[in-house]
Amino acid sequence: MQLPRTFGEAGALVRSGATTVSALTELALQQAHRSRELNFLLEVFDESARAQAAAVDARVKAGTAGPLAGCIVSIKDNLCYKDHRVSASSRILEGYTIIYSATVVERLVAADAVIIGRTNCDEFAMGSSNENSAFGLVRNPLDPARVPGGSSGGAAASVAAGTCHVALGSDTGGSIRQPASFCGLVGFKPTYGRVSRYGLIAFASSFDQIGPLAHSVSDAEAVHRVIAGHDERDNTSSRAPLGAVHGPGPGAKLRIAYYRETVERPGLDPEIKAHVLAHIDRLKADGHTVEPIELPMLDHLVPTYYILATAEASSNLARFDGIRYGHRSKAAKGVDDTYRLSRSEGFGPEVKRRILLGTFVLSAGYYDAYYAQGQRVRRLIRDNTLKAFERFDLVLTPTCPTTAFGHGEIKDPVAMYLQDIFTVQANLAGVPAISLPTGTHSNGLPFGIQLMAGPMADEWLLAACDGLFPA
């Protein structure tokens, strides 16, 4: 017997009395242990998951269960869960047990979701392939010879492999949406500030957002509604109330834009291009207004993102110094040696590369030329993005230029960074974006279409998806 594919199915079974949360949890744990060779789970929480499930069953019986009773969830290894280990998939935090929970984790538990484990990721969420983890690469359940995407590749793989209904990931430049595209899932990045970042190990604080990966939009929406909302412990958290459940309404005709440059870009796979254009024609035929608009700064998106994100990473990761917590070199003699050797031994190659880039762009001689200029360009990108939402309800793009690539296939760091070319705009502008699994390539692998909406239109965007791209 297998875990029901969606929380929608599982929740209905629990409410009807046809199964229990404990029974669902056992199925999830069995599948997690069977899938060890894919390396998407760094740790399975057998004991705490079973205890959690038993407590939820008691509340189901008493009629006091929360909205996520029956939902099995995994969390990315950069989200804190009290009395559990967290490492950001880095040797520098190996074996570290956290003493508090992230706000999103607290809200999941309070809503009666069961958390079954922590998922492998690119170290400190830096990567597009999940090949940068200190604990080994993650394999795509749809084709183990290929990557699941990154940095939330383990989160995506945990859902695609049938071990949970929803996974929480973090998205700094596309790290939820790209794995969703590669694994045939829904991946949602909320508006910046919509979901608290308290308890998320930071990569780039002005970009990071926590969001769900799931098989269905309704599952993603159910979890989003639980984790979203203001949090006093995060001073970037928005006080805006959550939107209504309904979307544009049955039969509503929307104004949808697409960037001409994204579908005409030479690196876009021809089959993905044809698929996107076919959906544009279908949406027009359905009565929606669909028009091309210009994105004059497409080639500036990735450079701007990496200048700013590496600068923030350099600052955020300074706390991992071998003094306060985490790895401390046994070979160190004195304070200087402790700093240098602990960080050299604890961080992997990609993290070191980004720290060096970030330190360079923040240095006295280059700050104005790189970091300050990057902030100016980011403002132009945000203004250009928001201008589109003055005329249109949604902006449509491909999620990724290609389907999942093979392990070791992309060796050039710059070529890897360009995997984010269609996704970083939403993070630079702070707007919500979702990747929907809409196509299958001739190579048998899935890919997605991305939709972006205006700031704080998160719940409207989620509700609109089913009408535009029914499953």
Protein backbone atom coordinates (compact mmCIF):
# COMPACT_ATOMS: atom_id res chain seq x y z
CA MET A 1 0.00 0.00 0.00
CA GLN A 2 1.24 3.51 -0.82
CA LEU A 3 0.68 6.91 0.73
CA PRO A 4 -2.20 8.73 -1.03
CA ARG A 5 -0.70 11.08 -3.60
CA THR A 6 -2.19 14.31 -2.24
CA PHE A 7 -3.17 15.72 1.12
CA GLY A 8 -6.61 16.35 -0.36
CA GLU A 9 -7.10 12.59 -0.72
CA ALA A 10 -5.43 11.71 2.59
CA GLY A 11 -7.32 14.34 4.59
CA ALA A 12 -10.64 13.11 3.23
CA LEU A 13 -9.79 9.54 4.27
CA VAL A 14 -8.88 10.68 7.78
CA ARG A 15 -12.04 12.75 8.17
CA SER A 16 -14.22 9.86 6.98
CA GLY A 17 -12.59 7.44 9.40
CA ALA A 18 -11.30 5.23 6.57
CA THR A 19 -7.74 5.57 7.85
CA THR A 20 -5.75 7.21 10.63
CA VAL A 21 -2.91 9.71 10.66
CA SER A 22 -0.75 7.05 12.32
CA ALA A 23 -1.39 4.65 9.44
CA LEU A 24 -0.52 7.33 6.89
CA THR A 25 2.63 8.17 8.81
CA GLU A 26 3.74 4.53 8.77
CA LEU A 27 3.29 4.40 5.00
CA ALA A 28 5.34 7.58 4.64
CA LEU A 29 8.13 6.31 6.89
CA GLN A 30 8.29 2.99 5.05
CA GLN A 31 8.59 4.78 1.72
CA ALA A 32 11.25 7.10 3.14
CA HIS A 33 13.41 4.18 4.21
CA ARG A 34 12.86 2.37 0.89
CA SER A 35 14.10 5.44 -0.99
CA ARG A 36 17.40 5.87 0.85
CA GLU A 37 19.48 5.43 -2.31
CA LEU A 38 18.03 8.67 -3.71
CA ASN A 39 19.58 10.54 -0.74
CA PHE A 40 16.84 13.15 -0.47
CA LEU A 41 16.34 12.71 3.29
CA LEU A 42 19.27 13.42 5.60
CA GLU A 43 17.27 12.24 8.60
CA VAL A 44 13.95 10.49 9.08
CA PHE A 45 12.12 11.54 12.24
CA ASP A 46 10.66 8.10 13.01
CA GLU A 47 10.10 8.62 16.72
CA SER A 48 8.80 12.20 16.73
CA ALA A 49 6.63 11.61 13.63
CA ARG A 50 4.91 8.62 15.24
CA ALA A 51 4.33 10.55 18.47
CA GLN A 52 2.97 13.50 16.53
CA ALA A 53 0.65 11.26 14.49
CA ALA A 54 -0.75 9.59 17.61
CA ALA A 55 -1.50 12.99 19.15
CA VAL A 56 -3.27 14.13 15.97
CA ASP A 57 -5.36 10.95 15.89
CA ALA A 58 -6.53 11.73 19.43
CA ARG A 59 -7.61 15.19 18.31
CA VAL A 60 -9.33 13.78 15.22
CA LYS A 61 -11.30 11.46 17.50
CA ALA A 62 -12.20 14.38 19.79
CA GLY A 63 -13.23 16.56 16.85
CA THR A 64 -10.55 19.19 17.54
CA ALA A 65 -8.01 18.38 14.82
CA GLY A 66 -6.33 21.18 12.90
CA PRO A 67 -6.69 21.94 9.16
CA LEU A 68 -3.65 19.85 8.17
CA ALA A 69 -4.61 16.60 9.93
CA GLY A 70 -3.49 13.85 7.57
CA CYS A 71 -0.87 15.98 5.85
CA ILE A 72 2.63 14.45 5.83
CA VAL A 73 5.36 17.07 5.41
CA SER A 74 9.13 17.18 5.01
CA ILE A 75 11.22 20.26 5.81
CA LYS A 76 14.37 21.50 4.11
CA ASP A 77 17.56 21.18 6.13
CA ASN A 78 17.79 24.94 6.65
CA LEU A 79 14.56 25.13 8.70
CA CYS A 80 14.87 24.82 12.46
CA TYR A 81 12.79 22.21 14.34
CA LYS A 82 13.22 22.26 18.10
CA ASP A 83 15.24 19.34 19.55
CA HIS A 84 16.09 18.10 16.05
CA ARG A 85 19.28 18.43 14.05
CA VAL A 86 19.75 21.08 11.38
CA SER A 87 22.86 21.52 9.24
CA ALA A 88 21.98 23.45 6.05
CA SER A 89 23.65 20.38 4.47
CA SER A 90 27.04 21.70 5.57
CA ARG A 91 29.89 20.12 7.54
CA ILE A 92 30.18 23.33 9.53
CA LEU A 93 26.86 22.53 11.27
CA GLU A 94 27.11 18.73 11.22
CA GLY A 95 25.53 17.23 14.34
CA TYR A 96 24.07 20.54 15.55
CA THR A 97 20.77 20.28 17.46
CA ILE A 98 18.60 23.40 17.47
CA ILE A 99 16.79 24.66 20.59
CA TYR A 100 13.88 26.43 18.89
CA SER A 101 11.55 25.97 15.91
CA ALA A 102 11.06 28.15 12.88
CA THR A 103 7.74 29.97 12.80
CA VAL A 104 6.62 27.93 9.78
CA VAL A 105 7.42 24.69 11.62
CA GLU A 106 5.51 25.83 14.71
CA ARG A 107 2.51 26.64 12.53
CA LEU A 108 2.65 23.27 10.72
CA VAL A 109 2.71 21.39 14.04
CA ALA A 110 -0.08 23.56 15.48
CA ALA A 111 -2.20 22.76 12.38
CA ASP A 112 -1.60 19.01 12.97
CA ALA A 113 0.69 18.25 10.03
CA VAL A 114 3.17 15.44 10.68
CA ILE A 115 6.82 16.21 9.90
CA ILE A 116 8.68 13.07 8.81
CA GLY A 117 12.20 14.32 8.17
CA ARG A 118 14.69 16.93 6.98
CA THR A 119 15.61 17.02 3.33
CA ASN A 120 19.01 17.30 1.70
CA CYS A 121 19.78 20.56 -0.10
CA ASP A 122 22.61 22.45 -1.72
CA GLU A 123 24.86 23.65 1.09
CA PHE A 124 23.38 26.79 2.66
CA ALA A 125 20.84 26.73 -0.21
CA MET A 126 23.55 27.68 -2.75
CA GLY A 127 23.02 25.78 -5.97
CA SER A 128 20.69 24.81 -8.81
CA SER A 129 21.22 21.05 -8.89
CA ASN A 130 21.51 19.68 -5.33
CA GLU A 131 25.01 18.48 -6.14
CA ASN A 132 26.62 20.83 -3.58
CA SER A 133 25.51 19.14 -0.36
CA ALA A 134 28.25 18.06 2.03
CA PHE A 135 26.31 14.81 2.44
CA GLY A 136 26.15 13.72 -1.19
CA LEU A 137 24.07 14.61 -4.21
CA VAL A 138 20.33 14.02 -4.48
CA ARG A 139 18.92 11.87 -7.28
CA ASN A 140 15.76 12.72 -9.18
CA PRO A 141 13.12 10.03 -8.44
CA LEU A 142 11.90 10.27 -12.05
CA ASP A 143 15.39 9.48 -13.40
CA PRO A 144 18.11 8.84 -10.80
CA ALA A 145 20.83 9.68 -13.35
CA ARG A 146 19.58 13.27 -13.36
CA VAL A 147 19.46 16.09 -10.83
CA PRO A 148 16.23 17.05 -9.03
CA GLY A 149 17.10 20.75 -9.27
CA GLY A 150 18.24 22.95 -6.44
CA SER A 151 18.69 24.12 -3.89
CA SER A 152 15.44 22.53 -2.64
CA GLY A 153 16.08 19.37 -4.64
CA GLY A 154 15.70 17.07 -1.65
CA ALA A 155 12.37 18.70 -0.81
CA ALA A 156 11.11 18.21 -4.37
CA ALA A 157 12.39 14.62 -4.50
CA SER A 158 10.66 13.76 -1.21
CA VAL A 159 7.28 14.67 -2.72
CA ALA A 160 8.00 13.15 -6.14
CA ALA A 161 9.06 9.87 -4.50
CA GLY A 162 5.80 9.59 -2.57
CA THR A 163 7.19 9.97 0.96
CA CYS A 164 5.12 13.04 1.83
CA HIS A 165 2.31 15.20 0.50
CA VAL A 166 4.04 18.56 0.82
CA ALA A 167 7.61 19.69 1.37
CA LEU A 168 8.72 23.06 2.66
CA GLY A 169 11.63 24.56 0.76
CA SER A 170 13.28 27.95 0.55
CA ASP A 171 13.49 30.05 -2.61
CA THR A 172 16.26 32.64 -2.99
CA GLY A 173 16.44 32.83 -6.79
CA GLY A 174 14.22 29.96 -7.94
CA SER A 175 15.14 27.21 -5.51
CA ILE A 176 11.54 26.01 -5.11
CA ARG A 177 10.28 26.60 -8.65
CA GLN A 178 13.20 25.06 -10.57
CA PRO A 179 13.11 21.74 -8.62
CA ALA A 180 9.34 21.74 -9.03
CA SER A 181 9.78 21.99 -12.80
CA PHE A 182 12.42 19.23 -12.85
CA CYS A 183 10.31 16.87 -10.69
CA GLY A 184 6.84 17.53 -12.13
CA LEU A 185 5.44 19.39 -9.11
CA VAL A 186 3.76 22.60 -8.10
CA GLY A 187 6.28 24.95 -6.48
CA PHE A 188 5.20 28.25 -4.92
CA LYS A 189 7.32 31.23 -3.83
CA PRO A 190 5.29 33.76 -1.83
CA THR A 191 5.63 37.54 -1.86
CA TYR A 192 8.64 38.63 0.17
CA GLY A 193 7.41 39.13 3.73
CA ARG A 194 4.26 37.03 3.33
CA VAL A 195 5.83 34.08 5.21
CA SER A 196 8.06 34.56 8.26
CA ARG A 197 11.75 33.80 7.84
CA TYR A 198 12.28 33.34 11.58
CA GLY A 199 14.13 30.05 12.04
CA LEU A 200 15.32 29.86 8.41
CA ILE A 201 19.12 29.68 8.17
CA ALA A 202 19.78 32.69 5.97
CA PHE A 203 21.51 32.70 2.60
CA ALA A 204 20.44 36.13 1.26
CA SER A 205 18.04 37.81 3.66
CA SER A 206 16.39 40.22 1.20
CA PHE A 207 15.65 37.38 -1.24
CA ASP A 208 14.87 34.25 0.83
CA GLN A 209 11.29 33.03 1.08
CA ILE A 210 9.81 29.79 2.40
CA GLY A 211 7.18 28.00 0.34
CA PRO A 212 5.58 24.62 -0.43
CA LEU A 213 6.18 21.97 -3.09
CA ALA A 214 3.25 19.62 -3.75
CA HIS A 215 1.45 17.51 -6.34
CA SER A 216 -1.49 19.90 -6.48
CA VAL A 217 -2.18 23.61 -6.20
CA SER A 218 -4.82 22.93 -3.54
CA ASP A 219 -2.25 21.12 -1.35
CA ALA A 220 0.22 23.99 -1.77
CA GLU A 221 -2.51 26.48 -0.93
CA ALA A 222 -3.60 24.58 2.18
CA VAL A 223 -0.07 24.66 3.59
CA HIS A 224 0.56 28.25 2.47
CA ARG A 225 -2.52 29.45 4.35
CA VAL A 226 -1.20 27.84 7.52
CA ILE A 227 2.37 29.16 7.35
CA ALA A 228 1.62 32.67 5.96
CA GLY A 229 0.83 35.72 8.04
CA HIS A 230 2.52 38.26 10.26
CA ASP A 231 5.15 37.21 12.78
CA GLU A 232 6.41 39.62 15.46
CA ARG A 233 9.78 37.82 15.47
CA ASP A 234 10.50 38.76 11.84
CA ASN A 235 10.67 42.51 11.23
CA THR A 236 10.32 41.99 7.47
CA SER A 237 7.05 40.13 7.97
CA SER A 238 4.05 41.82 6.36
CA ARG A 239 0.96 42.73 8.35
CA ALA A 240 -1.27 42.47 5.26
CA PRO A 241 -4.16 40.03 5.88
CA LEU A 242 -4.40 36.87 3.82
CA GLY A 243 -6.55 37.13 0.72
CA ALA A 244 -9.94 35.48 0.27
CA VAL A 245 -10.14 31.83 -0.77
CA HIS A 246 -11.75 32.56 -4.14
CA GLY A 247 -9.72 33.59 -7.18
CA PRO A 248 -10.86 35.57 -10.19
CA GLY A 249 -14.18 33.72 -10.26
CA PRO A 250 -15.68 31.24 -12.74
CA GLY A 251 -15.48 32.43 -16.33
CA ALA A 252 -13.41 35.52 -15.50
CA LYS A 253 -11.24 36.71 -18.36
CA LEU A 254 -7.76 37.73 -17.28
CA ARG A 255 -5.10 40.00 -18.70
CA ILE A 256 -1.94 37.95 -19.06
CA ALA A 257 1.45 39.17 -20.28
CA TYR A 258 4.44 37.15 -21.42
CA TYR A 259 7.97 38.37 -21.97
CA ARG A 260 8.91 38.09 -25.61
CA GLU A 261 12.59 37.75 -24.65
CA THR A 262 11.97 34.63 -22.55
CA VAL A 263 10.35 32.61 -25.35
CA GLU A 264 12.81 33.84 -27.98
CA ARG A 265 15.94 33.21 -25.93
CA PRO A 266 18.40 30.95 -27.83
CA GLY A 267 19.07 28.68 -24.82
CA LEU A 268 15.40 27.75 -24.39
CA ASP A 269 14.69 24.12 -25.31
CA PRO A 270 12.64 24.10 -28.56
CA GLU A 271 10.02 21.73 -27.12
CA ILE A 272 9.54 23.95 -24.04
CA LYS A 273 9.24 26.99 -26.32
CA ALA A 274 6.61 25.29 -28.48
CA HIS A 275 4.71 24.18 -25.35
CA VAL A 276 4.64 27.69 -23.87
CA LEU A 277 3.50 29.22 -27.16
CA ALA A 278 0.77 26.56 -27.49
CA HIS A 279 -0.55 27.46 -24.02
CA ILE A 280 -0.48 31.14 -24.94
CA ASP A 281 -2.65 30.34 -27.97
CA ARG A 282 -4.98 28.22 -25.81
CA LEU A 283 -5.40 30.99 -23.25
CA LYS A 284 -6.25 33.41 -26.06
CA ALA A 285 -8.78 30.95 -27.45
CA ASP A 286 -10.32 30.70 -23.96
CA GLY A 287 -11.02 34.43 -24.11
CA HIS A 288 -8.15 35.77 -22.00
CA THR A 289 -6.15 38.77 -23.18
CA VAL A 290 -2.58 37.56 -23.71
CA GLU A 291 0.03 40.01 -24.99
CA PRO A 292 3.81 40.09 -25.35
CA ILE A 293 5.69 42.73 -23.39
CA GLU A 294 9.34 43.69 -23.28
CA LEU A 295 11.82 42.71 -20.59
CA PRO A 296 14.80 44.85 -21.60
CA MET A 297 16.90 43.78 -18.61
CA LEU A 298 16.72 39.99 -19.05
CA ASP A 299 20.51 39.69 -19.37
CA HIS A 300 20.94 41.81 -16.23
CA LEU A 301 18.78 39.61 -13.99
CA VAL A 302 21.29 36.88 -13.16
CA PRO A 303 24.35 39.17 -12.73
CA THR A 304 22.37 41.53 -10.49
CA TYR A 305 21.04 38.66 -8.43
CA TYR A 306 24.43 37.04 -7.90
CA ILE A 307 26.17 40.30 -6.99
CA LEU A 308 23.58 41.10 -4.33
CA ALA A 309 22.93 37.55 -3.10
CA THR A 310 26.63 36.73 -2.66
CA ALA A 311 27.14 40.01 -0.79
CA GLU A 312 24.37 39.09 1.64
CA ALA A 313 25.71 35.53 1.92
CA SER A 314 29.17 36.82 2.79
CA SER A 315 27.65 38.83 5.64
CA ASN A 316 25.22 36.15 6.85
CA LEU A 317 27.78 33.34 6.90
CA ALA A 318 30.32 35.36 8.89
CA ARG A 319 28.64 34.00 12.05
CA PHE A 320 29.93 30.48 11.29
CA ASP A 321 33.42 31.10 12.64
CA GLY A 322 34.36 28.08 14.76
CA ILE A 323 33.99 30.10 17.95
CA ARG A 324 30.34 30.22 18.97
CA TYR A 325 28.88 26.99 17.55
CA GLY A 326 29.36 24.55 14.73
CA HIS A 327 32.57 22.98 13.47
CA ARG A 328 35.86 23.96 15.14
CA SER A 329 39.12 22.78 13.61
CA LYS A 330 41.12 20.43 15.79
CA ALA A 331 44.30 21.58 14.04
CA ALA A 332 43.81 25.24 14.96
CA LYS A 333 46.34 27.01 17.20
CA GLY A 334 45.11 30.39 18.31
CA VAL A 335 42.19 32.59 17.28
CA ASP A 336 43.31 33.37 13.71
CA ASP A 337 43.89 29.68 12.99
CA THR A 338 40.49 28.80 14.47
CA TYR A 339 38.68 31.20 12.14
CA ARG A 340 40.65 30.26 9.04
CA LEU A 341 40.81 26.48 9.45
CA SER A 342 37.29 26.01 10.83
CA ARG A 343 35.74 27.83 7.85
CA SER A 344 38.10 26.20 5.34
CA GLU A 345 37.25 22.73 6.62
CA GLY A 346 33.55 23.37 7.25
CA PHE A 347 32.45 25.10 4.03
CA GLY A 348 32.26 23.40 0.63
CA PRO A 349 33.59 24.78 -2.69
CA GLU A 350 30.41 26.56 -3.85
CA VAL A 351 29.88 28.27 -0.50
CA LYS A 352 33.53 29.41 -0.46
CA ARG A 353 33.16 30.72 -4.01
CA ARG A 354 30.11 32.79 -3.10
CA ILE A 355 31.63 34.11 0.13
CA LEU A 356 34.68 35.27 -1.83
CA LEU A 357 32.51 36.90 -4.52
CA GLY A 358 30.39 38.60 -1.87
CA THR A 359 33.38 39.83 0.09
CA PHE A 360 34.87 41.22 -3.13
CA VAL A 361 31.77 43.18 -4.16
CA LEU A 362 31.47 44.62 -0.63
CA SER A 363 35.14 45.61 -0.40
CA ALA A 364 36.05 49.29 -0.13
CA GLY A 365 37.46 49.62 -3.63
CA TYR A 366 34.58 47.87 -5.41
CA TYR A 367 31.46 48.59 -3.31
CA ASP A 368 30.19 51.44 -5.51
CA ALA A 369 31.07 49.72 -8.77
CA TYR A 370 29.34 46.44 -7.94
CA TYR A 371 27.11 46.31 -4.84
CA ALA A 372 25.73 49.84 -5.01
CA GLN A 373 25.21 49.57 -8.76
CA GLY A 374 23.53 46.19 -8.27
CA GLN A 375 21.05 47.79 -5.87
CA ARG A 376 20.25 50.48 -8.43
CA VAL A 377 19.62 47.88 -11.13
CA ARG A 378 17.48 45.87 -8.72
CA ARG A 379 15.28 48.93 -8.24
CA LEU A 380 14.92 49.29 -12.01
CA ILE A 381 14.01 45.59 -12.32
CA ARG A 382 11.41 45.89 -9.55
CA ASP A 383 9.94 49.06 -11.08
CA ASN A 384 9.76 47.40 -14.50
CA THR A 385 8.10 44.32 -13.00
CA LEU A 386 5.52 46.28 -11.02
CA LYS A 387 4.76 48.41 -14.08
CA ALA A 388 3.64 45.24 -15.88
CA PHE A 389 1.08 44.60 -13.12
CA GLU A 390 -0.50 48.00 -13.69
CA ARG A 391 -1.86 46.61 -16.99
CA PHE A 392 -1.88 42.84 -16.44
CA ASP A 393 -3.10 40.40 -13.81
CA LEU A 394 -0.36 37.84 -14.45
CA VAL A 395 2.98 37.45 -16.20
CA LEU A 396 3.74 34.07 -17.81
CA THR A 397 7.20 32.63 -18.56
CA PRO A 398 8.86 29.23 -18.86
CA THR A 399 10.11 28.11 -15.45
CA CYS A 400 13.44 26.77 -16.71
CA PRO A 401 15.27 26.70 -20.06
CA THR A 402 15.60 22.89 -20.01
CA THR A 403 14.41 19.73 -18.31
CA ALA A 404 16.50 18.08 -15.57
CA PHE A 405 20.11 17.60 -16.67
CA GLY A 406 22.47 14.76 -15.78
CA HIS A 407 24.68 14.64 -12.72
CA GLY A 408 27.99 16.36 -13.50
CA GLU A 409 26.72 17.61 -16.84
CA ILE A 410 27.13 21.32 -16.03
CA LYS A 411 30.62 22.02 -14.69
CA ASP A 412 30.90 25.74 -15.42
CA PRO A 413 29.58 27.76 -12.43
CA VAL A 414 28.34 30.57 -14.70
CA ALA A 415 26.40 28.10 -16.86
CA MET A 416 24.86 26.71 -13.65
CA TYR A 417 23.91 30.21 -12.49
CA LEU A 418 22.07 30.77 -15.79
CA GLN A 419 19.66 27.99 -14.85
CA ASP A 420 17.94 30.71 -12.78
CA ILE A 421 17.44 33.14 -15.67
CA PHE A 422 13.62 32.98 -15.65
CA THR A 423 13.12 32.62 -11.90
CA VAL A 424 15.32 35.30 -10.27
CA GLN A 425 13.10 38.18 -11.38
CA ALA A 426 10.41 37.29 -8.83
CA ASN A 427 12.97 37.35 -6.01
CA LEU A 428 14.57 40.59 -7.19
CA ALA A 429 11.12 42.21 -7.35
CA GLY A 430 9.71 40.48 -4.26
CA VAL A 431 6.55 39.27 -6.04
CA PRO A 432 4.81 35.86 -5.76
CA ALA A 433 5.52 33.22 -8.38
CA ILE A 434 4.45 29.65 -9.00
CA SER A 435 5.69 26.85 -11.25
CA LEU A 436 2.98 24.54 -12.57
CA PRO A 437 3.73 21.11 -14.08
CA THR A 438 2.22 21.55 -17.54
CA GLY A 439 4.35 19.52 -19.94
CA THR A 440 6.33 16.34 -20.60
CA HIS A 441 9.34 16.44 -22.91
CA SER A 442 10.09 13.81 -25.56
CA ASN A 443 12.84 12.63 -23.18
CA GLY A 444 10.08 11.65 -20.74
CA LEU A 445 10.88 14.36 -18.20
CA PRO A 446 8.47 17.02 -16.92
CA PHE A 447 8.80 20.79 -17.12
CA GLY A 448 6.74 23.74 -15.97
CA ILE A 449 5.28 27.12 -16.76
CA GLN A 450 5.77 30.00 -14.33
CA LEU A 451 3.15 32.58 -13.38
CA MET A 452 3.91 35.77 -11.47
CA ALA A 453 1.41 38.14 -9.87
CA GLY A 454 1.58 41.50 -8.13
CA PRO A 455 2.80 41.92 -4.54
CA MET A 456 0.55 40.31 -1.91
CA ALA A 457 -1.64 38.67 -4.57
CA ASP A 458 -0.43 35.27 -3.32
CA GLU A 459 -3.76 33.69 -2.46
CA TRP A 460 -5.39 35.12 -5.60
CA LEU A 461 -2.58 33.63 -7.72
CA LEU A 462 -2.98 30.20 -6.13
CA ALA A 463 -6.75 30.27 -6.59
CA ALA A 464 -6.43 31.42 -10.21
CA CYS A 465 -4.12 28.56 -11.26
CA ASP A 466 -6.73 25.81 -11.39
CA GLY A 467 -8.91 27.76 -13.78
CA LEU A 468 -6.03 28.60 -16.10
CA PHE A 469 -4.15 25.29 -15.98
CA PRO A 470 -6.53 22.60 -14.73
CA ALA A 471 -4.79 19.42 -13.59
